[in-house]
Protein backbone atom coordinates (compact mmCIF):
# COMPACT_ATOMS: atom_id res chain seq x y z
CA MET A 1 79.26 -58.27 73.88
CA THR A 2 79.13 -61.98 72.94
CA SER A 3 80.30 -64.86 75.06
CA GLY A 4 82.61 -67.54 73.66
CA LEU A 5 80.14 -70.27 74.42
CA ASP A 6 78.12 -72.00 71.82
CA ALA A 7 74.27 -72.03 72.07
CA PRO A 8 73.87 -75.69 73.11
CA THR A 9 76.36 -75.15 76.02
CA ARG A 10 74.47 -72.17 77.24
CA MET A 11 71.17 -73.95 76.78
CA ARG A 12 72.63 -76.98 78.70
CA GLY A 13 73.73 -74.85 81.70
CA ALA A 14 70.44 -72.79 81.71
CA PHE A 15 68.51 -75.99 81.62
CA VAL A 16 70.40 -77.90 84.26
CA GLY A 17 69.95 -74.92 86.57
CA ALA A 18 66.29 -74.50 86.16
CA VAL A 19 65.44 -78.24 86.07
CA SER A 20 67.44 -78.96 89.12
CA GLY A 21 65.89 -76.39 91.09
CA SER A 22 62.26 -77.19 90.03
CA LEU A 23 62.64 -80.94 90.22
CA SER A 24 64.37 -80.67 93.59
CA ILE A 25 61.10 -78.98 94.85
CA ALA A 26 59.06 -81.74 93.25
CA ALA A 27 61.20 -84.67 94.44
CA HIS A 28 61.34 -83.16 97.95
CA GLY A 29 57.72 -83.01 98.27
CA ILE A 30 56.96 -86.38 96.79
CA GLY A 31 59.60 -87.90 99.19
CA GLY A 32 57.82 -86.50 102.21
CA GLY A 33 59.20 -83.21 102.81
CA THR A 34 57.38 -79.90 102.67
CA MET A 35 55.33 -79.55 99.58
CA VAL A 36 55.49 -75.66 99.52
CA PRO A 37 58.75 -74.29 100.68
CA SER A 38 59.22 -70.93 102.30
CA GLU A 39 60.39 -67.81 100.51
CA SER A 40 63.88 -67.82 101.92
CA ALA A 41 64.14 -71.48 100.86
CA LEU A 42 62.94 -70.65 97.35
CA VAL A 43 65.39 -67.76 97.05
CA LEU A 44 68.26 -69.75 98.21
CA LEU A 45 67.43 -72.66 95.83
CA VAL A 46 67.08 -70.12 92.86
CA VAL A 47 70.61 -68.71 93.80
CA VAL A 48 72.13 -72.24 94.08
CA SER A 49 70.51 -73.52 90.99
CA ALA A 50 71.65 -70.42 89.03
CA ALA A 51 75.20 -70.91 90.32
CA LEU A 52 74.96 -74.58 89.27
CA GLY A 53 73.74 -73.70 85.79
CA GLY A 54 76.45 -71.08 85.32
CA LEU A 55 79.10 -73.66 86.35
CA VAL A 56 77.69 -76.08 83.99
CA SER A 57 77.88 -73.51 81.12
CA LEU A 58 81.39 -72.60 81.91
CA LEU A 59 82.69 -76.29 82.09
CA GLY A 60 80.53 -77.52 79.16
CA ALA A 61 80.74 -81.18 78.31
CA ARG A 62 83.70 -81.78 80.35
CA VAL A 63 81.57 -82.83 83.32
CA PRO A 64 79.31 -85.64 83.14
CA LEU A 65 75.65 -84.72 83.03
CA VAL A 66 74.24 -87.12 85.42
CA ALA A 67 76.89 -86.21 88.07
CA VAL A 68 75.98 -82.56 87.85
CA LEU A 69 72.25 -83.36 88.03
CA ALA A 70 72.90 -85.58 91.03
CA LEU A 71 74.86 -82.74 92.69
CA GLY A 72 72.00 -80.40 91.89
CA GLN A 73 69.57 -82.77 93.48
CA LEU A 74 71.75 -83.28 96.52
CA VAL A 75 72.29 -79.34 96.96
CA GLY A 76 68.61 -78.78 96.34
CA HIS A 77 67.64 -81.37 99.00
CA THR A 78 70.11 -79.70 101.46
CA VAL A 79 68.82 -76.24 100.87
CA LEU A 80 65.25 -77.35 101.15
CA SER A 81 66.01 -79.30 104.31
CA ILE A 82 67.99 -76.60 106.03
CA ALA A 83 65.73 -73.64 105.14
CA SER A 84 62.42 -75.14 105.73
CA GLU A 85 60.44 -74.37 108.73
CA HIS A 86 60.48 -77.86 110.18
CA HIS A 87 63.63 -79.84 109.81
CA HIS A 88 63.54 -83.51 109.05
CA ALA A 89 67.25 -83.72 110.08
CA SER A 90 68.33 -83.76 106.50
CA ALA A 91 67.78 -87.45 106.40
CA LEU A 92 67.35 -89.14 102.98
CA THR A 93 64.45 -91.52 103.41
CA PRO A 94 64.16 -94.20 100.95
CA SER A 95 61.17 -92.70 99.31
CA MET A 96 63.02 -89.35 99.22
CA LEU A 97 66.11 -90.93 97.90
CA ALA A 98 64.16 -92.64 95.10
CA ALA A 99 62.40 -89.43 94.25
CA HIS A 100 65.53 -87.59 94.01
CA ALA A 101 67.19 -90.39 91.77
CA ALA A 102 64.13 -90.49 89.59
CA ALA A 103 64.28 -86.64 89.13
CA THR A 104 67.97 -87.06 88.35
CA ALA A 105 67.24 -89.53 85.56
CA LEU A 106 64.32 -87.42 84.27
CA CYS A 107 66.52 -84.32 84.30
CA ALA A 108 69.23 -86.15 82.27
CA LEU A 109 66.75 -87.20 79.64
CA LEU A 110 65.27 -83.66 79.35
CA VAL A 111 68.45 -81.76 79.01
CA ARG A 112 69.82 -84.32 76.48
CA GLY A 113 66.53 -83.90 74.44
CA ALA A 114 66.83 -80.02 74.76
CA VAL A 115 70.51 -80.01 73.57
CA LEU A 116 69.84 -82.25 70.73
CA GLY A 117 66.85 -80.20 69.76
CA CYS A 118 68.76 -76.99 70.08
CA THR A 119 71.54 -78.52 67.76
CA HIS A 120 68.95 -79.52 65.22
CA ALA A 121 67.07 -76.20 65.24
CA VAL A 122 70.41 -74.27 64.84
CA SER A 123 71.57 -76.39 61.98
CA VAL A 124 68.08 -75.96 60.11
CA LEU A 125 68.29 -72.23 60.62
CA ARG A 126 71.74 -72.14 59.41
CA ARG A 127 70.39 -73.57 56.10
CA ILE A 128 67.26 -71.65 55.81
CA LEU A 129 68.35 -68.02 56.73
CA PRO A 130 70.75 -67.60 53.96
CA VAL A 131 68.12 -68.56 51.50
CA LEU A 132 65.73 -66.17 53.03
CA ALA A 133 68.36 -63.27 52.97
CA VAL A 134 68.92 -63.59 49.20
CA VAL A 135 68.45 -60.11 47.54
CA LEU A 136 66.80 -60.40 44.21
CA PRO A 137 68.25 -58.14 41.49
CA VAL A 138 66.12 -55.34 40.25
CA GLN A 139 66.02 -54.70 36.56
CA GLU A 140 65.89 -51.19 35.57
CA ARG A 141 64.35 -50.44 32.26
CA PRO A 142 64.05 -46.95 30.80
CA ARG A 143 60.46 -45.73 31.33
CA LEU A 144 58.79 -44.24 28.49
CA VAL A 145 56.66 -41.33 29.36
CA THR A 146 53.42 -41.12 27.34
CA VAL A 147 50.77 -38.51 27.79
CA ASP A 148 47.30 -40.05 27.17
CA TYR A 149 45.36 -36.96 28.26
CA ARG A 150 46.03 -33.49 27.48
CA PRO A 151 43.35 -30.99 28.53
CA ASP A 152 42.28 -28.05 26.40
CA VAL A 153 41.59 -25.84 29.37
CA VAL A 154 45.24 -25.16 29.81
CA LEU A 155 45.85 -24.02 26.23
CA ARG A 156 42.49 -21.89 26.22
CA LEU A 157 43.64 -20.09 29.48
CA LEU A 158 47.07 -19.35 27.84
CA VAL A 159 45.38 -17.99 24.72
CA SER A 160 42.62 -15.94 26.25
CA TRP A 161 42.94 -12.27 27.33
CA GLY A 162 42.86 -10.89 30.80
CA PRO A 163 44.31 -12.12 34.11
CA GLY A 164 42.55 -15.53 33.75
CA THR A 165 39.99 -17.12 35.98
CA ARG A 166 41.61 -16.21 39.26
CA GLY A 167 40.33 -13.36 41.52
CA PRO A 168 36.79 -11.92 42.09
CA PRO A 169 34.44 -11.43 39.04
CA VAL A 170 34.57 -8.21 37.31
CA PRO A 171 31.54 -5.98 37.88
CA ALA A 172 29.53 -5.58 34.74
């Protein structure tokens, strides 16, 4: 079963989901939140990031990348604020806002570079693979069978009398 999405669109969605979640954790920690979130916060963040990545894959290039990444950072901050053990009232402090904004800009650069790299890699593979798959023709020539060695043992056995050399020796 194949999807109707091309490789750069799928890569963009997967990368947006993964990078939004991971950089939300980093920006949240740098901005003054908990550095290591709880297990429930991580599970919720993974689910939300996967949903965001799937949404970006379905919508493709119709949505601006920076807007989707900003939404991912906002959702990531909200999930980490609500699901953490200590609540800091979901307030965006200036340091946390700067960290999430820097993470959004970094995500945009990383996603753009990954999509361009995927596009270039696919175009190179489209040129290389047909060359590698060329089947060279096999020339069939009639083989001349020449016998270089002809043992005399076979002729001697055929000409000699008796049952041959097989079997036990004859008692004298």
